Amino acid sequence: MGIAEDGILDWIRESGFSLDRLSEKYNQLDILKGVRQNPAYHAEGDVYTHTGMVCGQAVELAEWGGLTNRQQELLFLAAAFHDIGKPACTKWEDGKWTSPKHTIVGEQVFRAMAYRGAGQFGLDFAQRELVAKLIRFHGLPVWFWRKNRVEHSLIRAAEVVPLWLLSLLSKADARGRDSQAPGELEEYGELFIQYGKDLGIWEKPYPFANAHTRYQYFHKEDLQPGAQIYDNTQFSVWILSGLPLAGKDTWIQGHGGGRPVISLDDIRDELGVSPKDGSGKVAALAIERARKFLRKKEPFIWNATNLIQETRQRLCRLFAGYGARVHIFYLETPYPELLERNRTRSRQIPEQVLERMIDKLEMPEPWEGHEVEYLTK
């Protein structure tokens, strides 16, 4: 596969905002070809055909001319990959083609592609994650009204993606198809615009009174975003997150301040448990040790991969329940360096295990802790 000299964003412009020309150099898009869709919503044909129509509609938007060059390129990139999760999710069910959770899978697929192919894609961390989140939430503007907590859903999305930009992608997606109900999706999109503006999150995240109020809002169902909660946290706990060999141990050496560290890898070595074996005993002992620090209100560092949001949130709820202020630090090192570190490591991680971790990574979102930082190269 050829590598675009200046990266995918520059190639998008140089190629005249053409999906076909983009796919010539980025054949990751070929997996969209031949993927079936429900003709009630997509009578135009397969996912690649739909994607081409969405890309065409994006550059025809009335708002297109008001975007900066970089914003145009990022919007087109998101349009080109917005359904990249469908090939893995599409199935025949109840007499029709359906693609459940393709936006969630699509976020992970794109992130893994752009991470492994950083030299080809040429995206920095912020650009990669913006496009990944546009993919993740591109259906929200037309389906948000079905959510159990509509306001919460929009405020959460605004934490990671500008709603105005998300709305443009959604509008192009709604127009780039042959549907039995043309215009219906756009009507919901207009409602989304009004709702976002009314909440004050159209261009930026919700302005919570403080970090503790934001944390409590996303972890308690009955809290209004406009509330102001006194920050009664008594001590701090640091949760490290990232792929193995991303530099967590090095960060602790340089920034840990001599605080106690609960390391799942160290406990695994202590118990003689192989990484290939179940980690139930390891996790149980780690939690037991954490509770000792929590009862004493003593700060400590939790060192593990913590790649899955549900895992991180279980820890956050536990730690915050004892009055801790939770800091999440995500660390990332380039893919080639990660592989090299593994090759020179005394106890190598099986390559297929490492690759699966990359595929399933769920990026920490700003609302998950009182503080979330991204330490990347």
Foldseek 3Di string as FASTA:
>chain_A
DDFDQQALLVVCVVVPLALVSSCVRVVLLVLQPPAAAFCQQFVVGTRQQLLRQLSVVLCVDPCNVVDDSSLSSLLSVLSSQLQSQQSVAWDQDPNGIDGPPSLVLSLLVQQLCCQQVVRRRVDDPLSSQQSSLLSNCLLCLQCLVVDPDSVLVVLQSLLRYQQLSSLSSNVSSLRSHDHPDRPNSVVSNVVSCVVCVVQVSNGHHRDAPALVLLLVPNVDPPDDRPDDDDQQFDEAEEEEAAAPPLCPVVCCVVPVPPFAEQELVVLCVVVVHDPVDDSPVSVVVSVVVVVVCLVVRGYYYYDDHPQDLVVLLVVQCVNVVSRYAYEYEYGGEGPVVSVVCQVPDPDHDPPVVSSVSSSRGDDDTQNSGSYYYYHYD
